[in-house]
Amino acid sequence: MRLAVEGPLAQLSARQESLLLERRLEDTAGLVDTVRDILQRVRQEGDAALKALALAYDGVQLEALEVPRAVWDQALDEVARPVRDGLERAAANIAAFHGAQLSPSLEIEVQPGVVLGRRVDPVEAAGAYVPGGRAAYPSTVLMCAVPARVAGVRDVVVCSPPGPDGRPAAAVLAACAIAGVDRVFAIGGAGAIAALTYGTETIPRVDAIVGPGNRYVTEAKRQVAGDVRIDCPAGPSELLIVAEDGAPGLDPTVAATELCAQAEHDPDAAVACVTTSPALAASVRSALETRVRTEARRSIIEEALSARGAIVWAAGLAAALDFAERYAPEHLLLLTADPLGDLGRVRSAGTIFLGPASSVAIGDYMTGANHVLPTGGMARSFSGLSILNFVRFTTYQALTPAGAALLADPTMALAEAEGLPAHAAAAAARR
């Protein structure tokens, strides 16, 4: 098993540190231009372009883009009972957590006769992108669609790549039925993002696009961000583990299983562990080698580990946590002596798991916290998907004559200072 980076943290080369910290995907094989061409093609040719892209990228000749509701209902009826129970429990937890995030409207009188308010309104239509290809992600349907429903979005549509039968995976369709989605389309990649942004003959234009994806989807979302609201740069999965010697319940096998769980998503996944001693690092590496040999998706895991996998050790916990802050991972697992106390010492992470019982895998599916999270170090700037991605805030202002007169003179002074005499005149009329 080969790792991209190993060794003491303080002695990493500039190249090694850059590999770990600069994780935004490069423009390999003309990624930016390819995505731009796809966006333009879908914008101009609509459904015909989407069908051609499905044939080229998915190897499927689509007769229709939309999946009939009867097909998802059948998928829900036929899904294994444990899977359905898990999806329904996850949906309930997601609804509970995201419902608690709803912001109330507010109104305040900032001074006599000047009343300001803020109204909360959902967007009218939202599109959820659900990845396919190497795996099916019914959990992502719930993470995207349930918060949209809780927020009050009127129309929720899902796009997910077609399988050999021309439809998304049955579990994805079952999740769409559970989440109360309005429409489902069997399209994937950058073409799906284009369709949701600009609309086609079949697919409606939406006001917000959410959901993770591969490098093509992530780049497409970046390029359309000026035309439609997007959530966060949610690309290939990431995990950083901070492991401290002597932490209660610390087991290198736990670290190894969590690293494999995130690495199996995609060869572009980035997983790393920083420990407080070389001995602990060696134990984690040994456990990881053993675990990888037994994994069904071993080839994907090994490719991810060799490209961006790392096990390094720091001079102490403070140095390890400082590295975590600079790494700004999608998922951060604190296997430390006092994870709750250490929580405040790392501010840049999509979501943080505290202690060995707090499995990242369980969080991906069941806890109710969202798994659509910023990657590529963008946790320094972005939050994960939440209710806020589906609402708008509109302010309103009501002034009485007395309130307007009170603010007229200072408004005139500022307007004149900025060289805007018409503004000053408008204020003067309220004196």
Protein backbone atom coordinates (compact mmCIF):
# COMPACT_ATOMS: atom_id res chain seq x y z
CA MET A 1 0.00 0.00 0.00
CA ARG A 2 1.44 3.33 -1.07
CA LEU A 3 0.58 6.67 0.51
CA ALA A 4 1.14 9.99 -1.20
CA VAL A 5 2.68 11.54 1.92
CA GLU A 6 4.25 10.01 5.05
CA GLY A 7 6.59 11.35 7.68
CA PRO A 8 7.00 14.02 10.33
CA LEU A 9 4.78 17.02 9.74
CA ALA A 10 7.55 19.51 10.46
CA GLN A 11 9.77 18.01 7.75
CA LEU A 12 7.32 17.86 4.85
CA SER A 13 8.65 19.33 1.64
CA ALA A 14 6.92 22.26 -0.02
CA ARG A 15 5.62 19.85 -2.67
CA GLN A 16 4.21 17.45 -0.06
CA GLU A 17 2.54 20.23 1.89
CA SER A 18 1.05 21.67 -1.29
CA LEU A 19 -0.32 18.25 -2.25
CA LEU A 20 -2.12 18.03 1.09
CA LEU A 21 -3.35 21.60 1.42
CA GLU A 22 -4.08 22.59 -2.19
CA ARG A 23 -6.73 20.01 -2.98
CA ARG A 24 -8.86 21.85 -5.50
CA LEU A 25 -8.83 19.77 -8.66
CA GLU A 26 -6.56 20.97 -11.43
CA ASP A 27 -7.64 21.68 -14.99
CA THR A 28 -6.54 18.27 -16.19
CA ALA A 29 -7.44 17.20 -19.72
CA GLY A 30 -8.98 20.60 -20.39
CA LEU A 31 -11.62 20.23 -17.68
CA VAL A 32 -12.64 23.90 -17.71
CA ASP A 33 -13.04 24.06 -21.49
CA THR A 34 -14.84 20.70 -21.66
CA VAL A 35 -17.37 21.79 -19.06
CA ARG A 36 -17.84 25.18 -20.73
CA ASP A 37 -18.59 23.44 -24.03
CA ILE A 38 -21.13 21.12 -22.38
CA LEU A 39 -22.90 24.03 -20.69
CA GLN A 40 -23.12 25.94 -23.96
CA ARG A 41 -24.28 22.90 -25.89
CA VAL A 42 -27.12 22.14 -23.47
CA ARG A 43 -28.11 25.80 -23.38
CA GLN A 44 -28.40 25.85 -27.17
CA GLU A 45 -29.67 22.34 -27.99
CA GLY A 46 -31.66 21.39 -24.89
CA ASP A 47 -32.95 17.83 -24.59
CA ALA A 48 -31.15 16.68 -27.73
CA ALA A 49 -27.80 17.59 -26.21
CA LEU A 50 -28.65 15.80 -22.96
CA LYS A 51 -29.51 12.59 -24.81
CA ALA A 52 -26.32 12.79 -26.82
CA LEU A 53 -24.30 13.33 -23.63
CA ALA A 54 -25.98 10.33 -21.97
CA LEU A 55 -24.94 8.18 -24.91
CA ALA A 56 -21.39 9.52 -24.91
CA TYR A 57 -20.70 9.46 -21.16
CA ASP A 58 -23.11 6.87 -19.74
CA GLY A 59 -23.42 4.55 -22.73
CA VAL A 60 -27.22 4.77 -22.61
CA GLN A 61 -29.69 5.59 -25.39
CA LEU A 62 -32.40 7.51 -23.54
CA GLU A 63 -35.92 7.43 -24.89
CA ALA A 64 -37.06 9.93 -22.27
CA LEU A 65 -35.27 12.11 -19.72
CA GLU A 66 -37.95 12.06 -17.03
CA VAL A 67 -38.56 9.02 -14.83
CA PRO A 68 -42.31 8.50 -14.29
CA ARG A 69 -43.58 8.69 -10.73
CA ALA A 70 -44.98 5.18 -10.98
CA VAL A 71 -41.43 3.92 -11.41
CA TRP A 72 -40.23 5.52 -8.18
CA ASP A 73 -43.29 4.26 -6.32
CA GLN A 74 -42.52 0.77 -7.54
CA ALA A 75 -38.90 1.16 -6.44
CA LEU A 76 -40.10 2.16 -2.97
CA ASP A 77 -42.41 -0.88 -2.80
CA GLU A 78 -39.61 -3.22 -3.86
CA VAL A 79 -36.69 -1.84 -1.85
CA ALA A 80 -35.49 -4.12 0.96
CA ARG A 81 -37.25 -3.38 4.24
CA PRO A 82 -34.01 -2.58 6.18
CA VAL A 83 -33.04 -0.07 3.47
CA ARG A 84 -36.47 1.55 3.53
CA ASP A 85 -36.43 1.73 7.32
CA GLY A 86 -32.98 3.32 7.23
CA LEU A 87 -34.03 5.89 4.66
CA GLU A 88 -37.17 6.79 6.60
CA ARG A 89 -35.26 7.16 9.87
CA ALA A 90 -32.60 9.28 8.18
CA ALA A 91 -35.28 11.47 6.58
CA ALA A 92 -36.90 12.05 9.97
CA ASN A 93 -33.58 13.03 11.57
CA ILE A 94 -32.69 15.34 8.68
CA ALA A 95 -36.10 17.01 8.91
CA ALA A 96 -35.74 17.49 12.67
CA PHE A 97 -32.25 19.01 12.52
CA HIS A 98 -32.92 21.24 9.54
CA GLY A 99 -36.30 22.31 10.84
CA ALA A 100 -34.56 23.67 13.91
CA GLN A 101 -32.47 25.90 11.62
CA LEU A 102 -35.44 27.87 10.28
CA SER A 103 -35.02 31.57 10.98
CA PRO A 104 -38.12 33.52 11.99
CA SER A 105 -39.05 36.76 10.33
CA LEU A 106 -38.22 39.82 12.43
CA GLU A 107 -39.24 43.43 12.89
CA ILE A 108 -37.57 46.15 14.92
CA GLU A 109 -38.03 49.89 15.49
CA VAL A 110 -34.45 51.18 15.29
CA GLN A 111 -35.54 54.66 16.40
CA PRO A 112 -38.92 56.36 16.78
CA GLY A 113 -40.83 56.26 13.52
CA VAL A 114 -38.35 53.99 11.69
CA VAL A 115 -39.44 50.36 11.50
CA LEU A 116 -37.32 47.74 9.71
CA GLY A 117 -38.20 44.13 9.05
CA ARG A 118 -36.84 41.00 7.46
CA ARG A 119 -39.10 38.44 5.81
CA VAL A 120 -38.00 34.85 5.14
CA ASP A 121 -39.15 33.32 1.86
CA PRO A 122 -38.20 29.99 0.27
CA VAL A 123 -36.94 29.89 -3.29
CA GLU A 124 -39.62 28.73 -5.70
CA ALA A 125 -37.73 25.82 -7.28
CA ALA A 126 -34.64 23.83 -6.29
CA GLY A 127 -32.65 21.20 -8.14
CA ALA A 128 -30.74 18.43 -6.37
CA TYR A 129 -27.84 16.71 -8.10
CA VAL A 130 -27.38 13.12 -6.91
CA PRO A 131 -24.18 11.39 -8.10
CA GLY A 132 -24.16 7.98 -9.75
CA GLY A 133 -21.66 5.91 -11.66
CA ARG A 134 -19.38 4.15 -9.18
CA ALA A 135 -22.09 3.98 -6.49
CA ALA A 136 -25.70 4.92 -5.78
CA TYR A 137 -26.43 7.66 -3.25
CA PRO A 138 -30.02 7.58 -1.96
CA SER A 139 -28.75 9.32 1.17
CA THR A 140 -27.84 12.37 -0.94
CA VAL A 141 -31.43 12.58 -2.18
CA LEU A 142 -32.56 12.94 1.43
CA MET A 143 -29.80 15.39 2.34
CA CYS A 144 -30.82 17.70 -0.50
CA ALA A 145 -34.57 17.25 -0.88
CA VAL A 146 -35.71 17.00 2.74
CA PRO A 147 -34.22 20.39 3.78
CA ALA A 148 -35.76 21.94 0.67
CA ARG A 149 -39.16 20.61 1.66
CA VAL A 150 -38.70 21.76 5.26
CA ALA A 151 -37.83 25.24 3.96
CA GLY A 152 -41.07 25.34 1.96
CA VAL A 153 -39.65 25.10 -1.57
CA ARG A 154 -42.58 24.62 -3.96
CA ASP A 155 -40.85 22.53 -6.67
CA VAL A 156 -38.03 20.09 -5.91
CA VAL A 157 -36.46 18.17 -8.80
CA VAL A 158 -33.68 15.58 -8.81
CA CYS A 159 -31.14 14.83 -11.52
CA SER A 160 -29.11 11.63 -11.29
CA PRO A 161 -27.15 9.71 -13.96
CA PRO A 162 -28.89 6.83 -15.75
CA GLY A 163 -27.83 3.24 -15.29
CA PRO A 164 -27.83 0.61 -18.05
CA ASP A 165 -31.65 0.53 -17.95
CA GLY A 166 -31.83 4.29 -18.56
CA ARG A 167 -32.86 5.12 -15.00
CA PRO A 168 -31.09 6.11 -11.78
CA ALA A 169 -30.53 3.35 -9.23
CA ALA A 170 -33.68 1.91 -7.66
CA ALA A 171 -32.59 2.99 -4.17
CA VAL A 172 -32.22 6.58 -5.42
CA LEU A 173 -35.73 6.47 -6.85
CA ALA A 174 -37.09 5.04 -3.59
CA ALA A 175 -35.45 7.89 -1.68
CA CYS A 176 -37.09 10.38 -4.06
CA ALA A 177 -40.47 8.95 -3.14
CA ILE A 178 -39.70 9.15 0.60
CA ALA A 179 -38.41 12.73 0.33
CA GLY A 180 -41.48 13.95 -1.57
CA VAL A 181 -39.59 15.05 -4.67
CA ASP A 182 -41.73 16.48 -7.50
CA ARG A 183 -39.85 15.27 -10.59
CA VAL A 184 -36.85 13.02 -11.36
CA PHE A 185 -34.62 13.17 -14.45
CA ALA A 186 -32.12 10.54 -15.58
CA ILE A 187 -29.26 12.86 -16.48
CA GLY A 188 -25.86 13.37 -14.93
CA GLY A 189 -22.63 15.33 -15.05
CA ALA A 190 -22.17 18.88 -16.23
CA GLY A 191 -25.14 18.48 -18.55
CA ALA A 192 -27.48 18.11 -15.59
CA ILE A 193 -26.14 21.31 -14.03
CA ALA A 194 -26.66 23.13 -17.33
CA ALA A 195 -30.23 21.84 -17.65
CA LEU A 196 -31.14 22.91 -14.12
CA THR A 197 -29.55 26.32 -14.64
CA TYR A 198 -30.99 27.22 -18.02
CA GLY A 199 -33.89 24.83 -18.49
CA THR A 200 -34.69 22.65 -21.53
CA GLU A 201 -37.87 21.51 -23.26
CA THR A 202 -38.35 18.92 -20.51
CA ILE A 203 -36.35 20.06 -17.50
CA PRO A 204 -37.44 23.19 -15.62
CA ARG A 205 -35.08 25.99 -14.76
CA VAL A 206 -34.54 26.22 -10.99
CA ASP A 207 -33.53 28.98 -8.58
CA ALA A 208 -31.00 26.96 -6.56
CA ILE A 209 -28.83 23.91 -7.30
CA VAL A 210 -27.46 21.76 -4.48
CA GLY A 211 -25.65 18.47 -4.16
CA PRO A 212 -22.14 16.99 -4.49
CA GLY A 213 -20.49 15.56 -7.57
CA ASN A 214 -17.31 14.66 -9.37
CA ARG A 215 -14.84 17.16 -10.84
CA TYR A 216 -17.09 17.85 -13.85
CA VAL A 217 -20.12 18.60 -11.69
CA THR A 218 -18.09 20.74 -9.31
CA GLU A 219 -16.58 22.73 -12.18
CA ALA A 220 -20.00 23.13 -13.82
CA LYS A 221 -21.44 24.54 -10.59
CA ARG A 222 -18.53 26.96 -10.39
CA GLN A 223 -19.15 28.18 -13.93
CA VAL A 224 -22.92 28.70 -13.53
CA ALA A 225 -22.67 30.36 -10.12
CA GLY A 226 -23.34 33.75 -11.66
CA ASP A 227 -26.59 32.51 -13.23
CA VAL A 228 -28.09 30.41 -10.43
CA ARG A 229 -27.64 29.99 -6.71
CA ILE A 230 -25.37 27.09 -5.74
CA ASP A 231 -24.59 25.62 -2.34
CA CYS A 232 -20.87 24.97 -1.79
CA PRO A 233 -17.95 23.41 -3.67
CA ALA A 234 -18.86 19.84 -2.76
CA GLY A 235 -16.43 17.68 -4.68
CA PRO A 236 -14.73 14.33 -3.97
CA SER A 237 -14.89 13.18 -0.37
CA GLU A 238 -12.32 14.18 2.28
CA LEU A 239 -11.45 13.08 5.80
CA LEU A 240 -8.77 14.24 8.22
CA ILE A 241 -8.27 12.37 11.50
CA VAL A 242 -6.40 13.90 14.44
CA ALA A 243 -5.24 11.06 16.70
CA GLU A 244 -3.67 11.79 20.08
CA ASP A 245 -1.62 9.29 22.06
CA GLY A 246 -3.45 8.11 25.16
CA ALA A 247 -6.90 9.29 24.05
CA PRO A 248 -9.64 7.16 25.68
CA GLY A 249 -10.94 4.46 23.36
CA LEU A 250 -8.37 5.24 20.67
CA ASP A 251 -8.00 2.21 18.39
CA PRO A 252 -5.94 2.43 15.20
CA THR A 253 -8.45 0.08 13.58
CA VAL A 254 -11.19 2.70 14.06
CA ALA A 255 -9.07 5.25 12.23
CA ALA A 256 -8.33 2.77 9.45
CA THR A 257 -11.99 1.89 8.89
CA GLU A 258 -13.00 5.54 8.65
CA LEU A 259 -10.16 6.33 6.23
CA CYS A 260 -11.24 3.44 3.99
CA ALA A 261 -14.89 4.48 4.19
CA GLN A 262 -14.18 7.90 2.68
CA ALA A 263 -11.49 6.72 0.26
CA GLU A 264 -13.85 4.18 -1.33
CA HIS A 265 -16.02 6.98 -2.75
CA ASP A 266 -13.72 8.05 -5.55
CA PRO A 267 -10.07 7.89 -6.71
CA ASP A 268 -10.04 11.68 -6.23
CA ALA A 269 -10.95 11.36 -2.51
CA ALA A 270 -8.45 12.82 -0.03
CA VAL A 271 -7.93 11.10 3.33
CA ALA A 272 -5.27 11.78 5.94
CA CYS A 273 -4.38 11.11 9.55
CA VAL A 274 -2.14 13.28 11.72
CA THR A 275 -0.98 11.74 14.99
CA THR A 276 1.02 13.01 17.94
CA SER A 277 3.76 10.36 17.67
CA PRO A 278 5.52 8.25 15.03
CA ALA A 279 4.57 5.09 16.95
CA LEU A 280 0.86 5.88 16.72
CA ALA A 281 1.28 6.77 13.04
CA ALA A 282 2.89 3.37 12.45
CA SER A 283 0.00 1.63 14.23
CA VAL A 284 -2.56 3.43 12.07
CA ARG A 285 -0.62 2.57 8.93
CA SER A 286 -0.47 -1.11 9.89
CA ALA A 287 -4.20 -1.19 10.61
CA LEU A 288 -4.91 0.58 7.32
CA GLU A 289 -2.81 -1.91 5.32
CA THR A 290 -4.72 -4.79 6.90
CA ARG A 291 -8.08 -3.16 6.28
CA VAL A 292 -7.44 -2.23 2.67
CA ARG A 293 -6.67 -5.84 1.74
CA THR A 294 -10.20 -6.88 2.76
CA GLU A 295 -12.15 -4.06 1.10
CA ALA A 296 -14.48 -4.82 -1.82
CA ARG A 297 -13.58 -1.46 -3.41
CA ARG A 298 -9.87 -1.97 -2.80
CA SER A 299 -8.71 -0.64 -6.16
CA ILE A 300 -10.51 2.69 -5.68
CA ILE A 301 -9.19 3.01 -2.12
CA GLU A 302 -5.62 2.27 -3.15
CA GLU A 303 -5.80 4.78 -5.99
CA ALA A 304 -7.07 7.48 -3.62
CA LEU A 305 -4.41 6.68 -1.01
CA SER A 306 -1.59 6.79 -3.52
CA ALA A 307 -2.81 10.11 -4.95
CA ARG A 308 -3.75 12.10 -1.80
CA GLY A 309 -3.55 9.73 1.17
CA ALA A 310 -1.34 10.74 4.10
CA ILE A 311 -0.24 9.60 7.54
CA VAL A 312 1.95 12.16 9.29
CA TRP A 313 2.93 12.93 12.84
CA ALA A 314 3.19 16.25 14.64
CA ALA A 315 5.30 17.42 17.56
CA GLY A 316 2.20 17.57 19.77
CA LEU A 317 -1.54 18.10 19.80
CA ALA A 318 -1.30 21.84 19.26
CA ALA A 319 0.68 21.32 16.06
CA ALA A 320 -1.74 18.61 14.90
CA LEU A 321 -4.76 20.88 15.44
CA ASP A 322 -3.00 23.75 13.70
CA PHE A 323 -2.49 21.48 10.71
CA ALA A 324 -6.19 20.54 10.81
CA GLU A 325 -7.11 24.23 10.68
CA ARG A 326 -4.90 24.73 7.62
CA TYR A 327 -6.16 21.53 5.97
CA ALA A 328 -9.82 22.67 6.37
CA PRO A 329 -11.31 19.24 5.61
CA GLU A 330 -14.80 18.25 4.61
CA HIS A 331 -14.91 15.79 7.53
CA LEU A 332 -12.74 16.09 10.65
CA LEU A 333 -12.59 13.28 13.23
CA LEU A 334 -11.05 14.21 16.59
CA LEU A 335 -9.67 11.13 18.36
CA THR A 336 -8.19 13.17 21.20
CA ALA A 337 -8.25 13.06 24.97
CA ASP A 338 -10.76 15.92 25.12
CA PRO A 339 -12.51 16.20 21.75
CA LEU A 340 -15.23 18.52 23.04
CA GLY A 341 -12.60 20.83 24.49
CA ASP A 342 -10.65 20.72 21.23
CA LEU A 343 -13.73 21.55 19.14
CA GLY A 344 -13.21 25.29 19.50
CA ARG A 345 -9.58 25.03 18.42
CA VAL A 346 -10.49 24.11 14.84
CA ARG A 347 -12.82 26.51 13.06
CA SER A 348 -12.36 25.43 9.43
CA ALA A 349 -14.09 22.14 8.72
CA GLY A 350 -17.30 21.10 7.02
CA THR A 351 -18.37 18.94 9.95
CA ILE A 352 -16.51 17.71 13.03
CA PHE A 353 -16.90 14.33 14.75
CA LEU A 354 -16.00 14.07 18.41
CA GLY A 355 -14.50 10.84 19.75
CA PRO A 356 -14.23 7.21 18.59
CA ALA A 357 -17.98 6.46 18.75
CA SER A 358 -18.75 9.36 16.41
CA SER A 359 -18.41 7.51 13.13
CA VAL A 360 -18.11 9.65 10.03
CA ALA A 361 -19.94 6.92 8.13
CA ILE A 362 -22.93 7.13 10.49
CA GLY A 363 -22.91 10.89 10.07
CA ASP A 364 -22.95 10.45 6.30
CA TYR A 365 -26.24 8.61 6.55
CA MET A 366 -28.20 8.77 9.73
CA THR A 367 -27.61 11.52 12.28
CA GLY A 368 -29.52 14.25 10.44
CA ALA A 369 -26.59 16.63 9.94
CA ASN A 370 -26.01 17.31 6.25
CA HIS A 371 -23.35 15.45 4.30
CA VAL A 372 -23.18 17.95 1.42
CA LEU A 373 -20.10 19.83 2.61
CA PRO A 374 -17.32 22.06 1.24
CA THR A 375 -14.21 20.28 -0.02
CA GLY A 376 -10.83 21.31 -1.37
CA GLY A 377 -10.05 23.47 1.67
CA MET A 378 -13.10 25.64 0.99
CA ALA A 379 -14.41 25.06 4.51
CA ARG A 380 -12.43 28.22 5.23
CA SER A 381 -15.06 30.15 3.24
CA PHE A 382 -18.19 28.01 2.85
CA SER A 383 -20.65 26.23 5.10
CA GLY A 384 -22.25 22.88 4.40
CA LEU A 385 -25.75 22.56 2.96
CA SER A 386 -28.42 23.88 5.31
CA ILE A 387 -31.85 25.42 5.36
CA LEU A 388 -30.22 28.73 4.40
CA ASN A 389 -29.51 27.41 0.90
CA PHE A 390 -33.24 27.32 0.21
CA VAL A 391 -34.45 30.64 1.59
CA ARG A 392 -34.11 34.33 0.76
CA PHE A 393 -34.27 37.26 3.15
CA THR A 394 -36.23 40.31 2.03
CA THR A 395 -36.02 43.46 4.11
CA TYR A 396 -38.74 46.08 4.33
CA GLN A 397 -38.74 49.61 5.76
CA ALA A 398 -41.59 51.80 7.00
CA LEU A 399 -40.96 55.41 8.12
CA THR A 400 -43.46 57.76 9.66
CA PRO A 401 -43.27 61.43 8.62
CA ALA A 402 -41.63 62.21 11.95
CA GLY A 403 -39.10 59.38 11.49
CA ALA A 404 -38.24 60.54 7.97
CA ALA A 405 -37.80 64.13 9.12
CA LEU A 406 -35.45 62.97 11.85
CA LEU A 407 -33.15 61.28 9.29
CA ALA A 408 -33.43 63.86 6.49
CA ASP A 409 -30.56 66.14 7.49
CA PRO A 410 -27.93 63.42 8.01
CA THR A 411 -29.06 61.81 4.73
CA MET A 412 -28.57 65.12 2.93
CA ALA A 413 -25.10 65.50 4.42
CA LEU A 414 -24.00 62.05 3.27
CA ALA A 415 -25.58 62.45 -0.18
CA GLU A 416 -23.83 65.75 -0.75
CA ALA A 417 -20.53 64.25 0.43
CA GLU A 418 -20.93 61.53 -2.21
CA GLY A 419 -21.85 64.02 -4.94
CA LEU A 420 -25.44 62.82 -5.34
CA PRO A 421 -27.63 65.93 -5.22
CA ALA A 422 -30.85 64.15 -6.29
CA HIS A 423 -30.53 61.94 -3.23
CA ALA A 424 -30.14 65.02 -1.07
CA ALA A 425 -33.22 66.57 -2.64
CA ALA A 426 -35.28 63.44 -2.03
CA ALA A 427 -34.32 63.53 1.64
CA ALA A 428 -34.94 67.29 1.88
CA ALA A 429 -38.52 66.76 0.69
CA ARG A 430 -39.13 64.81 3.95
CA ARG A 431 -37.88 67.56 6.29
